[in-house]
Amino acid sequence: CFRWILMQFKRELRYEETLLLWEVLWTHHLTEHLHLYICVAVLKKYRNKIMGVQMDFDTLLKFINELTGHIDIEATLLDAEALCMYLGENGAACIPPGTPPSLPLTNARVSSQLGDEIL
């Protein structure tokens, strides 16, 4: 999921889908960590295939990379929203303190979250 988070799903989706996803992420409507719930929603959709085959690391990485162009963003967003609402505070408690929110961030917000650290 590292590439998903780092690139904010830019490589996994068509241009229009990427814009839709970014708009949803950047509103921080449900949570500023919606990108994590989206990753979970994608993995949840394919969990039987991933767990059933008991993929090793290389096979799993190849499988995840091959999802490019095959992620139904609307269904994934609905599932991520449902996960976020279902898990509520319990889900938020699983996110380590200091985990960066979905971008974009204002400079003031970054400074207040990171203290004196420099990005």
N, C-alpha and C. Protein backbone atom coordinates (compact mmCIF):
# COMPACT_ATOMS: atom_id res chain seq x y z
N CYS A 1 0.81 -1.21 0.00
CA CYS A 1 0.00 0.00 0.00
C CYS A 1 0.85 1.26 0.00
N PHE A 2 2.15 1.11 0.14
CA PHE A 2 3.02 2.29 0.22
C PHE A 2 2.85 3.20 -1.00
N ARG A 3 2.86 2.61 -2.18
CA ARG A 3 2.71 3.42 -3.40
C ARG A 3 1.35 4.09 -3.44
N TRP A 4 0.31 3.37 -3.00
CA TRP A 4 -1.03 3.96 -2.98
C TRP A 4 -1.03 5.23 -2.14
N ILE A 5 -0.45 5.14 -0.96
CA ILE A 5 -0.45 6.29 -0.05
C ILE A 5 0.48 7.38 -0.57
N LEU A 6 1.66 7.00 -0.99
CA LEU A 6 2.63 7.98 -1.47
C LEU A 6 2.11 8.75 -2.68
N MET A 7 1.50 8.04 -3.61
CA MET A 7 1.02 8.67 -4.85
C MET A 7 -0.46 9.05 -4.78
N GLN A 8 -1.11 8.80 -3.63
CA GLN A 8 -2.53 9.10 -3.46
C GLN A 8 -3.35 8.44 -4.58
N PHE A 9 -3.01 7.21 -4.93
CA PHE A 9 -3.69 6.37 -5.92
C PHE A 9 -3.60 6.91 -7.35
N LYS A 10 -2.71 7.83 -7.60
CA LYS A 10 -2.58 8.44 -8.93
C LYS A 10 -2.29 7.40 -10.02
N ARG A 11 -1.48 6.42 -9.72
CA ARG A 11 -1.12 5.41 -10.73
C ARG A 11 -2.16 4.32 -10.87
N GLU A 12 -3.00 4.17 -9.87
CA GLU A 12 -3.96 3.07 -9.88
C GLU A 12 -5.25 3.40 -10.61
N LEU A 13 -5.53 4.68 -10.81
CA LEU A 13 -6.83 5.10 -11.33
C LEU A 13 -6.69 5.91 -12.61
N ARG A 14 -7.80 5.97 -13.35
CA ARG A 14 -7.83 6.86 -14.51
C ARG A 14 -7.82 8.30 -14.00
N TYR A 15 -7.50 9.24 -14.86
CA TYR A 15 -7.37 10.65 -14.50
C TYR A 15 -8.62 11.18 -13.80
N GLU A 16 -9.79 10.92 -14.37
CA GLU A 16 -11.04 11.42 -13.80
C GLU A 16 -11.31 10.80 -12.43
N GLU A 17 -10.99 9.53 -12.30
CA GLU A 17 -11.18 8.84 -11.02
C GLU A 17 -10.22 9.40 -9.96
N THR A 18 -9.01 9.70 -10.40
CA THR A 18 -8.03 10.28 -9.48
C THR A 18 -8.51 11.62 -8.96
N LEU A 19 -9.03 12.45 -9.86
CA LEU A 19 -9.54 13.76 -9.43
C LEU A 19 -10.69 13.61 -8.44
N LEU A 20 -11.58 12.66 -8.71
CA LEU A 20 -12.70 12.41 -7.80
C LEU A 20 -12.18 11.99 -6.42
N LEU A 21 -11.26 11.04 -6.41
CA LEU A 21 -10.70 10.55 -5.15
C LEU A 21 -10.02 11.68 -4.39
N TRP A 22 -9.20 12.46 -5.07
CA TRP A 22 -8.49 13.55 -4.40
C TRP A 22 -9.46 14.56 -3.81
N GLU A 23 -10.52 14.86 -4.54
CA GLU A 23 -11.51 15.80 -4.02
C GLU A 23 -12.12 15.26 -2.72
N VAL A 24 -12.45 13.98 -2.72
CA VAL A 24 -13.03 13.37 -1.52
C VAL A 24 -12.00 13.37 -0.38
N LEU A 25 -10.78 12.97 -0.67
CA LEU A 25 -9.74 12.92 0.36
C LEU A 25 -9.47 14.29 0.96
N TRP A 26 -9.38 15.29 0.12
CA TRP A 26 -8.95 16.61 0.58
C TRP A 26 -10.04 17.38 1.32
N THR A 27 -11.27 16.90 1.26
CA THR A 27 -12.31 17.57 2.04
C THR A 27 -12.18 17.24 3.52
N HIS A 28 -11.55 16.10 3.83
CA HIS A 28 -11.43 15.62 5.22
C HIS A 28 -12.80 15.55 5.88
N HIS A 29 -13.82 15.23 5.08
CA HIS A 29 -15.21 15.21 5.57
C HIS A 29 -15.40 14.22 6.71
N LEU A 30 -15.04 12.97 6.51
CA LEU A 30 -15.21 11.96 7.55
C LEU A 30 -14.01 11.91 8.49
N THR A 31 -12.85 11.95 7.91
CA THR A 31 -11.61 11.88 8.68
C THR A 31 -10.47 12.34 7.79
N GLU A 32 -9.44 12.86 8.41
CA GLU A 32 -8.28 13.26 7.61
C GLU A 32 -7.43 12.05 7.22
N HIS A 33 -7.81 10.88 7.69
CA HIS A 33 -7.08 9.66 7.37
C HIS A 33 -7.89 8.72 6.48
N LEU A 34 -8.76 9.27 5.67
CA LEU A 34 -9.60 8.44 4.80
C LEU A 34 -8.76 7.58 3.85
N HIS A 35 -7.59 8.08 3.46
CA HIS A 35 -6.73 7.30 2.56
C HIS A 35 -6.38 5.93 3.15
N LEU A 36 -6.26 5.85 4.46
CA LEU A 36 -5.98 4.55 5.09
C LEU A 36 -7.18 3.62 5.00
N TYR A 37 -8.37 4.17 5.17
CA TYR A 37 -9.59 3.36 5.04
C TYR A 37 -9.78 2.90 3.59
N ILE A 38 -9.36 3.72 2.64
CA ILE A 38 -9.45 3.33 1.23
C ILE A 38 -8.52 2.15 0.96
N CYS A 39 -7.32 2.20 1.50
CA CYS A 39 -6.39 1.06 1.36
C CYS A 39 -7.01 -0.21 1.94
N VAL A 40 -7.60 -0.08 3.12
CA VAL A 40 -8.23 -1.24 3.76
C VAL A 40 -9.39 -1.75 2.91
N ALA A 41 -10.18 -0.83 2.34
CA ALA A 41 -11.32 -1.23 1.51
C ALA A 41 -10.85 -2.03 0.29
N VAL A 42 -9.76 -1.59 -0.34
CA VAL A 42 -9.24 -2.32 -1.51
C VAL A 42 -8.74 -3.70 -1.08
N LEU A 43 -7.97 -3.74 -0.01
CA LEU A 43 -7.45 -5.03 0.47
C LEU A 43 -8.58 -5.95 0.91
N LYS A 44 -9.61 -5.38 1.52
CA LYS A 44 -10.77 -6.16 1.96
C LYS A 44 -11.47 -6.81 0.77
N LYS A 45 -11.56 -6.08 -0.33
CA LYS A 45 -12.21 -6.62 -1.52
C LYS A 45 -11.48 -7.85 -2.04
N TYR A 46 -10.16 -7.84 -1.96
CA TYR A 46 -9.35 -8.92 -2.52
C TYR A 46 -8.79 -9.86 -1.45
N ARG A 47 -9.27 -9.76 -0.22
CA ARG A 47 -8.68 -10.55 0.87
C ARG A 47 -8.76 -12.05 0.64
N ASN A 48 -9.87 -12.55 0.09
CA ASN A 48 -9.98 -14.00 -0.13
C ASN A 48 -8.91 -14.49 -1.10
N LYS A 49 -8.67 -13.71 -2.13
CA LYS A 49 -7.65 -14.11 -3.10
C LYS A 49 -6.26 -14.02 -2.47
N ILE A 50 -6.01 -12.95 -1.73
CA ILE A 50 -4.70 -12.76 -1.10
C ILE A 50 -4.45 -13.83 -0.04
N MET A 51 -5.41 -14.04 0.83
CA MET A 51 -5.24 -14.98 1.93
C MET A 51 -5.38 -16.43 1.47
N GLY A 52 -6.27 -16.67 0.51
CA GLY A 52 -6.52 -18.03 0.05
C GLY A 52 -5.32 -18.65 -0.64
N VAL A 53 -4.59 -17.85 -1.37
CA VAL A 53 -3.43 -18.34 -2.10
C VAL A 53 -2.18 -18.32 -1.21
N GLN A 54 -2.26 -17.63 -0.09
CA GLN A 54 -1.13 -17.45 0.82
C GLN A 54 0.09 -16.95 0.05
N MET A 55 -0.08 -15.79 -0.55
CA MET A 55 0.96 -15.20 -1.39
C MET A 55 2.20 -14.84 -0.58
N ASP A 56 3.37 -15.10 -1.19
CA ASP A 56 4.59 -14.60 -0.58
C ASP A 56 4.71 -13.11 -0.92
N PHE A 57 5.71 -12.44 -0.38
CA PHE A 57 5.82 -11.00 -0.54
C PHE A 57 5.87 -10.58 -2.01
N ASP A 58 6.71 -11.23 -2.80
CA ASP A 58 6.87 -10.85 -4.20
C ASP A 58 5.58 -11.05 -4.99
N THR A 59 4.90 -12.15 -4.74
CA THR A 59 3.63 -12.42 -5.43
C THR A 59 2.57 -11.42 -5.02
N LEU A 60 2.53 -11.09 -3.73
CA LEU A 60 1.58 -10.10 -3.24
C LEU A 60 1.85 -8.73 -3.86
N LEU A 61 3.11 -8.34 -3.91
CA LEU A 61 3.47 -7.06 -4.52
C LEU A 61 3.07 -7.01 -5.99
N LYS A 62 3.32 -8.09 -6.70
CA LYS A 62 2.93 -8.18 -8.11
C LYS A 62 1.41 -8.08 -8.25
N PHE A 63 0.68 -8.79 -7.40
CA PHE A 63 -0.78 -8.76 -7.44
C PHE A 63 -1.31 -7.35 -7.19
N ILE A 64 -0.78 -6.69 -6.16
CA ILE A 64 -1.22 -5.33 -5.82
C ILE A 64 -0.92 -4.38 -6.97
N ASN A 65 0.26 -4.48 -7.57
CA ASN A 65 0.61 -3.61 -8.69
C ASN A 65 -0.28 -3.86 -9.90
N GLU A 66 -0.73 -5.09 -10.07
CA GLU A 66 -1.60 -5.41 -11.20
C GLU A 66 -3.04 -4.96 -10.99
N LEU A 67 -3.36 -4.43 -9.83
CA LEU A 67 -4.70 -3.86 -9.60
C LEU A 67 -4.88 -2.52 -10.32
N THR A 68 -3.78 -1.96 -10.83
CA THR A 68 -3.85 -0.70 -11.55
C THR A 68 -4.88 -0.80 -12.67
N GLY A 69 -5.82 0.13 -12.65
CA GLY A 69 -6.88 0.16 -13.65
C GLY A 69 -8.05 -0.74 -13.36
N HIS A 70 -7.98 -1.51 -12.27
CA HIS A 70 -9.06 -2.45 -11.94
C HIS A 70 -9.78 -2.13 -10.63
N ILE A 71 -9.48 -0.98 -10.04
CA ILE A 71 -10.11 -0.59 -8.78
C ILE A 71 -11.37 0.21 -9.10
N ASP A 72 -12.50 -0.27 -8.62
CA ASP A 72 -13.77 0.45 -8.77
C ASP A 72 -13.81 1.52 -7.69
N ILE A 73 -13.48 2.75 -8.07
CA ILE A 73 -13.30 3.80 -7.07
C ILE A 73 -14.60 4.15 -6.35
N GLU A 74 -15.72 4.12 -7.03
CA GLU A 74 -16.99 4.47 -6.37
C GLU A 74 -17.35 3.43 -5.31
N ALA A 75 -17.23 2.16 -5.65
CA ALA A 75 -17.50 1.10 -4.67
C ALA A 75 -16.49 1.14 -3.53
N THR A 76 -15.24 1.43 -3.86
CA THR A 76 -14.20 1.51 -2.84
C THR A 76 -14.45 2.66 -1.89
N LEU A 77 -14.87 3.81 -2.42
CA LEU A 77 -15.18 4.96 -1.56
C LEU A 77 -16.35 4.65 -0.63
N LEU A 78 -17.37 3.99 -1.16
CA LEU A 78 -18.52 3.61 -0.32
C LEU A 78 -18.09 2.66 0.79
N ASP A 79 -17.25 1.69 0.45
CA ASP A 79 -16.77 0.73 1.44
C ASP A 79 -15.88 1.42 2.48
N ALA A 80 -15.01 2.31 2.03
CA ALA A 80 -14.14 3.05 2.95
C ALA A 80 -14.96 3.92 3.90
N GLU A 81 -15.99 4.55 3.36
CA GLU A 81 -16.87 5.37 4.20
C GLU A 81 -17.58 4.50 5.24
N ALA A 82 -18.07 3.35 4.81
CA ALA A 82 -18.74 2.44 5.74
C ALA A 82 -17.78 1.96 6.83
N LEU A 83 -16.56 1.62 6.44
CA LEU A 83 -15.55 1.20 7.42
C LEU A 83 -15.27 2.31 8.42
N CYS A 84 -15.11 3.51 7.92
CA CYS A 84 -14.83 4.66 8.77
C CYS A 84 -15.96 4.90 9.76
N MET A 85 -17.18 4.84 9.28
CA MET A 85 -18.33 5.08 10.15
C MET A 85 -18.52 3.93 11.14
N TYR A 86 -18.29 2.71 10.69
CA TYR A 86 -18.46 1.55 11.56
C TYR A 86 -17.41 1.53 12.67
N LEU A 87 -16.17 1.81 12.31
CA LEU A 87 -15.08 1.74 13.28
C LEU A 87 -15.04 2.96 14.19
N GLY A 88 -15.48 4.10 13.70
CA GLY A 88 -15.56 5.30 14.52
C GLY A 88 -14.29 5.58 15.31
N GLU A 89 -14.45 5.86 16.58
CA GLU A 89 -13.31 6.17 17.45
C GLU A 89 -12.36 4.98 17.59
N ASN A 90 -12.90 3.77 17.55
CA ASN A 90 -12.04 2.59 17.65
C ASN A 90 -11.07 2.52 16.48
N GLY A 91 -11.57 2.85 15.29
CA GLY A 91 -10.70 2.87 14.12
C GLY A 91 -9.67 3.97 14.21
N ALA A 92 -10.09 5.14 14.67
CA ALA A 92 -9.17 6.26 14.82
C ALA A 92 -8.09 5.94 15.85
N ALA A 93 -8.43 5.15 16.85
CA ALA A 93 -7.46 4.79 17.89
C ALA A 93 -6.35 3.89 17.34
N CYS A 94 -6.60 3.22 16.22
CA CYS A 94 -5.60 2.34 15.61
C CYS A 94 -4.57 3.11 14.79
N ILE A 95 -4.87 4.36 14.49
CA ILE A 95 -3.96 5.17 13.67
C ILE A 95 -2.93 5.80 14.61
N PRO A 96 -1.65 5.51 14.40
CA PRO A 96 -0.63 6.03 15.30
C PRO A 96 -0.60 7.56 15.32
N PRO A 97 -0.35 8.14 16.48
CA PRO A 97 -0.21 9.60 16.55
C PRO A 97 0.89 10.07 15.61
N GLY A 98 0.67 11.20 14.99
CA GLY A 98 1.66 11.74 14.07
C GLY A 98 1.53 11.24 12.65
N THR A 99 0.55 10.35 12.37
CA THR A 99 0.33 9.89 11.01
C THR A 99 -0.15 11.06 10.18
N PRO A 100 0.53 11.36 9.08
CA PRO A 100 0.11 12.52 8.27
C PRO A 100 -1.27 12.31 7.68
N PRO A 101 -2.05 13.38 7.60
CA PRO A 101 -3.37 13.29 6.99
C PRO A 101 -3.26 13.24 5.47
N SER A 102 -4.40 13.01 4.82
CA SER A 102 -4.45 13.10 3.37
C SER A 102 -4.08 14.51 2.97
N LEU A 103 -3.33 14.66 1.90
CA LEU A 103 -2.95 15.99 1.42
C LEU A 103 -4.14 16.67 0.77
N PRO A 104 -4.17 17.94 0.50
CA PRO A 104 -3.12 18.91 0.78
C PRO A 104 -3.23 19.46 2.18
N LEU A 105 -2.13 20.00 2.64
CA LEU A 105 -2.08 20.63 3.95
C LEU A 105 -1.63 22.07 3.80
N THR A 106 -2.11 22.91 4.67
CA THR A 106 -1.60 24.27 4.70
C THR A 106 -0.32 24.27 5.52
N ASN A 107 0.53 25.24 5.28
CA ASN A 107 1.79 25.31 6.02
C ASN A 107 1.56 25.43 7.51
N ALA A 108 0.55 26.20 7.90
CA ALA A 108 0.26 26.38 9.32
C ALA A 108 -0.14 25.05 9.96
N ARG A 109 -0.92 24.29 9.23
CA ARG A 109 -1.39 23.03 9.77
C ARG A 109 -0.24 22.04 9.89
N VAL A 110 0.63 22.01 8.91
CA VAL A 110 1.79 21.12 8.97
C VAL A 110 2.66 21.51 10.15
N SER A 111 2.92 22.80 10.31
CA SER A 111 3.76 23.27 11.40
C SER A 111 3.18 22.91 12.74
N SER A 112 1.88 23.07 12.89
CA SER A 112 1.27 22.78 14.18
C SER A 112 1.29 21.29 14.49
N GLN A 113 1.23 20.45 13.47
CA GLN A 113 1.23 19.00 13.70
C GLN A 113 2.63 18.46 13.93
N LEU A 114 3.61 19.05 13.29
CA LEU A 114 4.96 18.51 13.36
C LEU A 114 5.85 19.22 14.37
N GLY A 115 5.35 20.29 14.95
CA GLY A 115 6.17 21.03 15.89
C GLY A 115 7.31 21.70 15.17
N ASP A 116 8.53 21.46 15.61
CA ASP A 116 9.70 22.11 15.02
C ASP A 116 10.34 21.27 13.92
N GLU A 117 9.77 20.10 13.62
CA GLU A 117 10.34 19.24 12.59
C GLU A 117 10.17 19.88 11.22
N ILE A 118 11.06 19.55 10.32
CA ILE A 118 11.00 20.05 8.95
C ILE A 118 10.66 18.90 8.04
N LEU A 119 9.75 19.14 7.08
CA LEU A 119 9.38 18.08 6.14
C LEU A 119 10.52 17.77 5.21
